[in-house]
């Protein structure tokens, strides 16, 4: 997911985050789910999601669970920012 308003170099960097189109779509689906669950914009979720994903990918040996792990982290961070606790 390329975030609107980014430079061409940043777009290339973000696209390098995903190994292929199916992986990008899995993560986009996870972003949309988080945005819907917490009532945030896809852009807000997407920016944080990709930052968290980049950090998680650096150390991940098994990448199958990254959408779940990253989604939980993003949802938690955004909930804390909004002053809501997760239940």
PDB file of N, CA and C in Angstrom:
ATOM      1  N   UNK A   1       0.851  -1.178   0.000  1.00  0.00           N
ATOM      2  CA  UNK A   1       0.000   0.000   0.000  1.00  0.00           C
ATOM      3  C   UNK A   1       0.879   1.215   0.000  1.00  0.00           C
ATOM      4  N   UNK A   2       0.813   1.981  -1.045  1.00  0.00           N
ATOM      5  CA  UNK A   2       1.544   3.238  -1.091  1.00  0.00           C
ATOM      6  C   UNK A   2       0.663   4.315  -0.483  1.00  0.00           C
ATOM      7  N   UNK A   3       1.224   5.040   0.439  1.00  0.00           N
ATOM      8  CA  UNK A   3       0.476   6.082   1.120  1.00  0.00           C
ATOM      9  C   UNK A   3       0.463   7.322   0.241  1.00  0.00           C
ATOM     10  N   UNK A   4      -0.711   7.945   0.128  1.00  0.00           N
ATOM     11  CA  UNK A   4      -0.841   9.139  -0.703  1.00  0.00           C
ATOM     12  C   UNK A   4       0.063  10.235  -0.193  1.00  0.00           C
ATOM     13  N   UNK A   5       0.618  11.014  -1.143  1.00  0.00           N
ATOM     14  CA  UNK A   5       1.430  12.155  -0.772  1.00  0.00           C
ATOM     15  C   UNK A   5       2.884  11.816  -0.490  1.00  0.00           C
ATOM     16  N   UNK A   6       3.320  10.606  -0.820  1.00  0.00           N
ATOM     17  CA  UNK A   6       4.707  10.249  -0.586  1.00  0.00           C
ATOM     18  C   UNK A   6       5.504  10.464  -1.864  1.00  0.00           C
ATOM     19  N   UNK A   7       6.802  10.593  -1.721  1.00  0.00           N
ATOM     20  CA  UNK A   7       7.664  10.793  -2.876  1.00  0.00           C
ATOM     21  C   UNK A   7       7.827   9.484  -3.634  1.00  0.00           C
ATOM     22  N   UNK A   8       8.353   9.580  -4.823  1.00  0.00           N
ATOM     23  CA  UNK A   8       8.574   8.394  -5.660  1.00  0.00           C
ATOM     24  C   UNK A   8       9.529   7.428  -4.964  1.00  0.00           C
ATOM     25  N   UNK A   9      10.595   7.941  -4.332  1.00  0.00           N
ATOM     26  CA  UNK A   9      11.546   7.071  -3.635  1.00  0.00           C
ATOM     27  C   UNK A   9      10.878   6.324  -2.494  1.00  0.00           C
ATOM     28  N   UNK A  10      10.002   6.992  -1.757  1.00  0.00           N
ATOM     29  CA  UNK A  10       9.308   6.334  -0.658  1.00  0.00           C
ATOM     30  C   UNK A  10       8.361   5.269  -1.181  1.00  0.00           C
ATOM     31  N   UNK A  11       7.700   5.514  -2.310  1.00  0.00           N
ATOM     32  CA  UNK A  11       6.805   4.509  -2.897  1.00  0.00           C
ATOM     33  C   UNK A  11       7.568   3.254  -3.271  1.00  0.00           C
ATOM     34  N   UNK A  12       8.749   3.400  -3.854  1.00  0.00           N
ATOM     35  CA  UNK A  12       9.569   2.247  -4.218  1.00  0.00           C
ATOM     36  C   UNK A  12       9.955   1.485  -2.963  1.00  0.00           C
ATOM     37  N   UNK A  13      10.330   2.203  -1.902  1.00  0.00           N
ATOM     38  CA  UNK A  13      10.718   1.570  -0.644  1.00  0.00           C
ATOM     39  C   UNK A  13       9.555   0.784  -0.043  1.00  0.00           C
ATOM     40  N   UNK A  14       8.351   1.352  -0.040  1.00  0.00           N
ATOM     41  CA  UNK A  14       7.199   0.670   0.528  1.00  0.00           C
ATOM     42  C   UNK A  14       6.852  -0.574  -0.266  1.00  0.00           C
ATOM     43  N   UNK A  15       6.959  -0.490  -1.593  1.00  0.00           N
ATOM     44  CA  UNK A  15       6.640  -1.663  -2.404  1.00  0.00           C
ATOM     45  C   UNK A  15       7.669  -2.769  -2.195  1.00  0.00           C
ATOM     46  N   UNK A  16       8.903  -2.418  -1.829  1.00  0.00           N
ATOM     47  CA  UNK A  16       9.928  -3.414  -1.548  1.00  0.00           C
ATOM     48  C   UNK A  16       9.629  -4.153  -0.242  1.00  0.00           C
ATOM     49  N   UNK A  17       8.713  -3.627   0.538  1.00  0.00           N
ATOM     50  CA  UNK A  17       8.320  -4.251   1.797  1.00  0.00           C
ATOM     51  C   UNK A  17       7.617  -5.587   1.564  1.00  0.00           C
ATOM     52  N   UNK A  18       6.953  -5.719   0.429  1.00  0.00           N
ATOM     53  CA  UNK A  18       6.194  -6.928   0.114  1.00  0.00           C
ATOM     54  C   UNK A  18       6.934  -7.743  -0.935  1.00  0.00           C
ATOM     55  N   UNK A  19       6.991  -9.052  -0.720  1.00  0.00           N
ATOM     56  CA  UNK A  19       7.709  -9.930  -1.641  1.00  0.00           C
ATOM     57  C   UNK A  19       6.959 -10.160  -2.947  1.00  0.00           C
ATOM     58  N   UNK A  20       5.621 -10.145  -2.877  1.00  0.00           N
ATOM     59  CA  UNK A  20       4.821 -10.344  -4.079  1.00  0.00           C
ATOM     60  C   UNK A  20       3.428  -9.763  -3.863  1.00  0.00           C
ATOM     61  N   UNK A  21       2.618  -9.778  -4.899  1.00  0.00           N
ATOM     62  CA  UNK A  21       1.276  -9.198  -4.838  1.00  0.00           C
ATOM     63  C   UNK A  21       0.354  -9.918  -3.843  1.00  0.00           C
ATOM     64  N   UNK A  22       0.370 -11.251  -3.787  1.00  0.00           N
ATOM     65  CA  UNK A  22      -0.475 -11.917  -2.783  1.00  0.00           C
ATOM     66  C   UNK A  22      -0.126 -11.504  -1.349  1.00  0.00           C
ATOM     67  N   UNK A  23       1.157 -11.334  -1.062  1.00  0.00           N
ATOM     68  CA  UNK A  23       1.550 -10.892   0.278  1.00  0.00           C
ATOM     69  C   UNK A  23       1.041  -9.478   0.541  1.00  0.00           C
ATOM     70  N   UNK A  24       1.180  -8.601  -0.439  1.00  0.00           N
ATOM     71  CA  UNK A  24       0.704  -7.228  -0.287  1.00  0.00           C
ATOM     72  C   UNK A  24      -0.802  -7.209  -0.028  1.00  0.00           C
ATOM     73  N   UNK A  25      -1.539  -8.043  -0.732  1.00  0.00           N
ATOM     74  CA  UNK A  25      -2.987  -8.101  -0.551  1.00  0.00           C
ATOM     75  C   UNK A  25      -3.380  -8.660   0.819  1.00  0.00           C
ATOM     76  N   UNK A  26      -2.628  -9.645   1.329  1.00  0.00           N
ATOM     77  CA  UNK A  26      -2.895 -10.166   2.678  1.00  0.00           C
ATOM     78  C   UNK A  26      -2.741  -9.065   3.725  1.00  0.00           C
ATOM     79  N   UNK A  27      -1.678  -8.281   3.569  1.00  0.00           N
ATOM     80  CA  UNK A  27      -1.439  -7.206   4.528  1.00  0.00           C
ATOM     81  C   UNK A  27      -2.451  -6.073   4.352  1.00  0.00           C
ATOM     82  N   UNK A  28      -2.838  -5.779   3.135  1.00  0.00           N
ATOM     83  CA  UNK A  28      -3.857  -4.759   2.901  1.00  0.00           C
ATOM     84  C   UNK A  28      -5.179  -5.169   3.537  1.00  0.00           C
ATOM     85  N   UNK A  29      -5.524  -6.432   3.415  1.00  0.00           N
ATOM     86  CA  UNK A  29      -6.738  -6.957   4.044  1.00  0.00           C
ATOM     87  C   UNK A  29      -6.662  -6.797   5.563  1.00  0.00           C
ATOM     88  N   UNK A  30      -5.500  -7.093   6.134  1.00  0.00           N
ATOM     89  CA  UNK A  30      -5.313  -6.939   7.578  1.00  0.00           C
ATOM     90  C   UNK A  30      -5.456  -5.471   7.983  1.00  0.00           C
ATOM     91  N   UNK A  31      -4.913  -4.560   7.185  1.00  0.00           N
ATOM     92  CA  UNK A  31      -5.029  -3.123   7.466  1.00  0.00           C
ATOM     93  C   UNK A  31      -6.493  -2.683   7.449  1.00  0.00           C
ATOM     94  N   UNK A  32      -7.231  -3.155   6.453  1.00  0.00           N
ATOM     95  CA  UNK A  32      -8.649  -2.798   6.343  1.00  0.00           C
ATOM     96  C   UNK A  32      -9.439  -3.333   7.533  1.00  0.00           C
ATOM     97  N   UNK A  33      -9.092  -4.528   7.984  1.00  0.00           N
ATOM     98  CA  UNK A  33      -9.772  -5.114   9.136  1.00  0.00           C
ATOM     99  C   UNK A  33      -9.523  -4.287  10.385  1.00  0.00           C
ATOM    100  N   UNK A  34      -8.285  -3.910  10.619  1.00  0.00           N
ATOM    101  CA  UNK A  34      -7.953  -3.092  11.791  1.00  0.00           C
ATOM    102  C   UNK A  34      -8.673  -1.754  11.711  1.00  0.00           C
ATOM    103  N   UNK A  35      -8.630  -1.118  10.556  1.00  0.00           N
ATOM    104  CA  UNK A  35      -9.286   0.188  10.391  1.00  0.00           C
ATOM    105  C   UNK A  35     -10.775   0.084  10.710  1.00  0.00           C
ATOM    106  N   UNK A  36     -11.422  -0.965  10.246  1.00  0.00           N
ATOM    107  CA  UNK A  36     -12.840  -1.166  10.510  1.00  0.00           C
ATOM    108  C   UNK A  36     -13.129  -1.448  11.968  1.00  0.00           C
ATOM    109  N   UNK A  37     -12.268  -2.222  12.600  1.00  0.00           N
ATOM    110  CA  UNK A  37     -12.492  -2.590  14.012  1.00  0.00           C
ATOM    111  C   UNK A  37     -12.387  -1.408  14.951  1.00  0.00           C
ATOM    112  N   UNK A  38     -11.449  -0.496  14.672  1.00  0.00           N
ATOM    113  CA  UNK A  38     -11.232   0.608  15.612  1.00  0.00           C
ATOM    114  C   UNK A  38     -11.765   1.942  15.104  1.00  0.00           C
ATOM    115  N   UNK A  39     -12.333   1.947  13.900  1.00  0.00           N
ATOM    116  CA  UNK A  39     -12.912   3.174  13.365  1.00  0.00           C
ATOM    117  C   UNK A  39     -11.884   4.211  12.945  1.00  0.00           C
ATOM    118  N   UNK A  40     -10.745   3.758  12.472  1.00  0.00           N
ATOM    119  CA  UNK A  40      -9.685   4.656  12.011  1.00  0.00           C
ATOM    120  C   UNK A  40      -9.651   4.648  10.486  1.00  0.00           C
ATOM    121  N   UNK A  41      -8.993   5.638   9.922  1.00  0.00           N
ATOM    122  CA  UNK A  41      -8.865   5.677   8.465  1.00  0.00           C
ATOM    123  C   UNK A  41      -7.842   4.640   8.015  1.00  0.00           C
ATOM    124  N   UNK A  42      -8.009   4.167   6.802  1.00  0.00           N
ATOM    125  CA  UNK A  42      -7.068   3.208   6.236  1.00  0.00           C
ATOM    126  C   UNK A  42      -5.689   3.842   6.109  1.00  0.00           C
ATOM    127  N   UNK A  43      -5.635   5.118   5.814  1.00  0.00           N
ATOM    128  CA  UNK A  43      -4.347   5.800   5.688  1.00  0.00           C
ATOM    129  C   UNK A  43      -3.605   5.819   7.032  1.00  0.00           C
ATOM    130  N   UNK A  44      -4.320   6.145   8.106  1.00  0.00           N
ATOM    131  CA  UNK A  44      -3.711   6.178   9.442  1.00  0.00           C
ATOM    132  C   UNK A  44      -3.197   4.792   9.826  1.00  0.00           C
ATOM    133  N   UNK A  45      -4.027   3.796   9.636  1.00  0.00           N
ATOM    134  CA  UNK A  45      -3.639   2.421   9.964  1.00  0.00           C
ATOM    135  C   UNK A  45      -2.487   1.974   9.065  1.00  0.00           C
ATOM    136  N   UNK A  46      -2.581   2.282   7.779  1.00  0.00           N
ATOM    137  CA  UNK A  46      -1.566   1.844   6.814  1.00  0.00           C
ATOM    138  C   UNK A  46      -0.178   2.359   7.131  1.00  0.00           C
ATOM    139  N   UNK A  47      -0.078   3.619   7.521  1.00  0.00           N
ATOM    140  CA  UNK A  47       1.230   4.192   7.846  1.00  0.00           C
ATOM    141  C   UNK A  47       1.870   3.463   9.024  1.00  0.00           C
ATOM    142  N   UNK A  48       1.111   3.296  10.087  1.00  0.00           N
ATOM    143  CA  UNK A  48       1.644   2.620  11.270  1.00  0.00           C
ATOM    144  C   UNK A  48       1.894   1.141  10.975  1.00  0.00           C
ATOM    145  N   UNK A  49       0.968   0.506  10.268  1.00  0.00           N
ATOM    146  CA  UNK A  49       1.088  -0.918   9.937  1.00  0.00           C
ATOM    147  C   UNK A  49       2.396  -1.182   9.201  1.00  0.00           C
ATOM    148  N   UNK A  50       2.706  -0.363   8.216  1.00  0.00           N
ATOM    149  CA  UNK A  50       3.914  -0.598   7.429  1.00  0.00           C
ATOM    150  C   UNK A  50       5.181  -0.346   8.239  1.00  0.00           C
ATOM    151  N   UNK A  51       5.142   0.607   9.163  1.00  0.00           N
ATOM    152  CA  UNK A  51       6.293   0.814  10.051  1.00  0.00           C
ATOM    153  C   UNK A  51       6.514  -0.392  10.961  1.00  0.00           C
ATOM    154  N   UNK A  52       5.432  -0.883  11.534  1.00  0.00           N
ATOM    155  CA  UNK A  52       5.525  -2.053  12.417  1.00  0.00           C
ATOM    156  C   UNK A  52       5.950  -3.280  11.614  1.00  0.00           C
ATOM    157  N   UNK A  53       5.370  -3.462  10.440  1.00  0.00           N
ATOM    158  CA  UNK A  53       5.712  -4.607   9.591  1.00  0.00           C
ATOM    159  C   UNK A  53       7.192  -4.603   9.238  1.00  0.00           C
ATOM    160  N   UNK A  54       7.710  -3.452   8.906  1.00  0.00           N
ATOM    161  CA  UNK A  54       9.130  -3.346   8.558  1.00  0.00           C
ATOM    162  C   UNK A  54      10.003  -3.832   9.715  1.00  0.00           C
ATOM    163  N   UNK A  55       9.668  -3.414  10.923  1.00  0.00           N
ATOM    164  CA  UNK A  55      10.427  -3.853  12.090  1.00  0.00           C
ATOM    165  C   UNK A  55      10.292  -5.341  12.360  1.00  0.00           C
ATOM    166  N   UNK A  56       9.079  -5.862  12.254  1.00  0.00           N
ATOM    167  CA  UNK A  56       8.848  -7.283  12.502  1.00  0.00           C
ATOM    168  C   UNK A  56       9.536  -8.151  11.448  1.00  0.00           C
ATOM    169  N   UNK A  57       9.514  -7.703  10.194  1.00  0.00           N
ATOM    170  CA  UNK A  57      10.083  -8.507   9.110  1.00  0.00           C
ATOM    171  C   UNK A  57      11.587  -8.688   9.262  1.00  0.00           C
ATOM    172  N   UNK A  58      12.231  -7.697   9.860  1.00  0.00           N
ATOM    173  CA  UNK A  58      13.680  -7.763  10.027  1.00  0.00           C
ATOM    174  C   UNK A  58      14.109  -9.024  10.775  1.00  0.00           C
ATOM    175  N   UNK A  59      13.321  -9.425  11.761  1.00  0.00           N
ATOM    176  CA  UNK A  59      13.704 -10.554  12.609  1.00  0.00           C
ATOM    177  C   UNK A  59      12.853 -11.796  12.408  1.00  0.00           C
ATOM    178  N   UNK A  60      11.893 -11.748  11.523  1.00  0.00           N
ATOM    179  CA  UNK A  60      10.965 -12.867  11.352  1.00  0.00           C
ATOM    180  C   UNK A  60      11.608 -14.009  10.567  1.00  0.00           C
ATOM    181  N   UNK A  61      11.484 -15.188  11.113  1.00  0.00           N
ATOM    182  CA  UNK A  61      11.918 -16.385  10.387  1.00  0.00           C
ATOM    183  C   UNK A  61      10.734 -17.006   9.665  1.00  0.00           C
ATOM    184  N   UNK A  62       9.593 -17.010  10.324  1.00  0.00           N
ATOM    185  CA  UNK A  62       8.353 -17.503   9.731  1.00  0.00           C
ATOM    186  C   UNK A  62       7.456 -16.289   9.533  1.00  0.00           C
ATOM    187  N   UNK A  63       7.071 -16.024   8.303  1.00  0.00           N
ATOM    188  CA  UNK A  63       6.326 -14.802   7.987  1.00  0.00           C
ATOM    189  C   UNK A  63       4.821 -15.019   7.858  1.00  0.00           C
ATOM    190  N   UNK A  64       4.372 -16.250   8.030  1.00  0.00           N
ATOM    191  CA  UNK A  64       2.951 -16.569   7.865  1.00  0.00           C
ATOM    192  C   UNK A  64       2.054 -15.839   8.854  1.00  0.00           C
ATOM    193  N   UNK A  65       2.560 -15.579  10.040  1.00  0.00           N
ATOM    194  CA  UNK A  65       1.741 -14.970  11.082  1.00  0.00           C
ATOM    195  C   UNK A  65       1.912 -13.458  11.195  1.00  0.00           C
ATOM    196  N   UNK A  66       2.711 -12.864  10.324  1.00  0.00           N
ATOM    197  CA  UNK A  66       2.948 -11.427  10.410  1.00  0.00           C
ATOM    198  C   UNK A  66       1.680 -10.589  10.316  1.00  0.00           C
ATOM    199  N   UNK A  67       0.727 -10.904   9.427  1.00  0.00           N
ATOM    200  CA  UNK A  67      -0.488 -10.078   9.404  1.00  0.00           C
ATOM    201  C   UNK A  67      -1.218 -10.060  10.755  1.00  0.00           C
ATOM    202  N   UNK A  68      -1.242 -11.177  11.435  1.00  0.00           N
ATOM    203  CA  UNK A  68      -1.914 -11.244  12.738  1.00  0.00           C
ATOM    204  C   UNK A  68      -1.134 -10.461  13.785  1.00  0.00           C
ATOM    205  N   UNK A  69       0.168 -10.700  13.859  1.00  0.00           N
ATOM    206  CA  UNK A  69       0.993 -10.042  14.868  1.00  0.00           C
ATOM    207  C   UNK A  69       1.044  -8.529  14.666  1.00  0.00           C
ATOM    208  N   UNK A  70       1.224  -8.121  13.428  1.00  0.00           N
ATOM    209  CA  UNK A  70       1.301  -6.688  13.132  1.00  0.00           C
ATOM    210  C   UNK A  70      -0.051  -6.026  13.394  1.00  0.00           C
ATOM    211  N   UNK A  71      -1.129  -6.679  13.005  1.00  0.00           N
ATOM    212  CA  UNK A  71      -2.469  -6.129  13.233  1.00  0.00           C
ATOM    213  C   UNK A  71      -2.727  -5.908  14.715  1.00  0.00           C
ATOM    214  N   UNK A  72      -2.369  -6.879  15.532  1.00  0.00           N
ATOM    215  CA  UNK A  72      -2.579  -6.746  16.977  1.00  0.00           C
ATOM    216  C   UNK A  72      -1.776  -5.584  17.552  1.00  0.00           C
ATOM    217  N   UNK A  73      -0.542  -5.453  17.120  1.00  0.00           N
ATOM    218  CA  UNK A  73       0.311  -4.362  17.610  1.00  0.00           C
ATOM    219  C   UNK A  73      -0.252  -3.007  17.184  1.00  0.00           C
ATOM    220  N   UNK A  74      -0.643  -2.893  15.926  1.00  0.00           N
ATOM    221  CA  UNK A  74      -1.183  -1.632  15.402  1.00  0.00           C
ATOM    222  C   UNK A  74      -2.487  -1.282  16.111  1.00  0.00           C
ATOM    223  N   UNK A  75      -3.356  -2.252  16.280  1.00  0.00           N
ATOM    224  CA  UNK A  75      -4.618  -2.006  16.958  1.00  0.00           C
ATOM    225  C   UNK A  75      -4.377  -1.543  18.395  1.00  0.00           C
ATOM    226  N   UNK A  76      -3.424  -2.165  19.071  1.00  0.00           N
ATOM    227  CA  UNK A  76      -3.095  -1.774  20.435  1.00  0.00           C
ATOM    228  C   UNK A  76      -2.563  -0.333  20.479  1.00  0.00           C
ATOM    229  N   UNK A  77      -1.602  -0.026  19.625  1.00  0.00           N
ATOM    230  CA  UNK A  77      -0.994   1.311  19.622  1.00  0.00           C
ATOM    231  C   UNK A  77      -2.038   2.378  19.328  1.00  0.00           C
ATOM    232  N   UNK A  78      -2.866   2.151  18.323  1.00  0.00           N
ATOM    233  CA  UNK A  78      -3.878   3.146  17.979  1.00  0.00           C
ATOM    234  C   UNK A  78      -4.936   3.266  19.073  1.00  0.00           C
ATOM    235  N   UNK A  79      -5.270   2.171  19.731  1.00  0.00           N
ATOM    236  CA  UNK A  79      -6.225   2.225  20.835  1.00  0.00           C
ATOM    237  C   UNK A  79      -5.668   3.042  21.998  1.00  0.00           C
ATOM    238  N   UNK A  80      -4.394   2.852  22.302  1.00  0.00           N
ATOM    239  CA  UNK A  80      -3.758   3.611  23.375  1.00  0.00           C
ATOM    240  C   UNK A  80      -3.719   5.093  23.009  1.00  0.00           C
ATOM    241  N   UNK A  81      -3.381   5.389  21.771  1.00  0.00           N
ATOM    242  CA  UNK A  81      -3.354   6.788  21.321  1.00  0.00           C
ATOM    243  C   UNK A  81      -4.716   7.449  21.473  1.00  0.00           C
ATOM    244  N   UNK A  82      -5.749   6.700  21.247  1.00  0.00           N
ATOM    245  CA  UNK A  82      -7.111   7.245  21.331  1.00  0.00           C
ATOM    246  C   UNK A  82      -7.676   7.169  22.740  1.00  0.00           C
ATOM    247  N   UNK A  83      -6.901   6.627  23.666  1.00  0.00           N
ATOM    248  CA  UNK A  83      -7.338   6.551  25.056  1.00  0.00           C
ATOM    249  C   UNK A  83      -8.330   5.444  25.358  1.00  0.00           C
ATOM    250  N   UNK A  84      -8.372   4.436  24.496  1.00  0.00           N
ATOM    251  CA  UNK A  84      -9.276   3.308  24.702  1.00  0.00           C
ATOM    252  C   UNK A  84      -8.462   2.087  25.050  1.00  0.00           C
ATOM    253  N   UNK A  85      -8.938   1.312  25.998  1.00  0.00           N
ATOM    254  CA  UNK A  85      -8.247   0.074  26.334  1.00  0.00           C
ATOM    255  C   UNK A  85      -8.812  -1.062  25.508  1.00  0.00           C
ATOM    256  N   UNK A  86      -7.968  -2.023  25.216  1.00  0.00           N
ATOM    257  CA  UNK A  86      -8.419  -3.221  24.476  1.00  0.00           C
ATOM    258  C   UNK A  86      -9.058  -4.184  25.439  1.00  0.00           C
ATOM    259  N   UNK A  87     -10.114  -4.814  24.995  1.00  0.00           N
ATOM    260  CA  UNK A  87     -10.771  -5.819  25.830  1.00  0.00           C
ATOM    261  C   UNK A  87     -10.612  -7.172  25.191  1.00  0.00           C
TER     262      UNK A  87
END
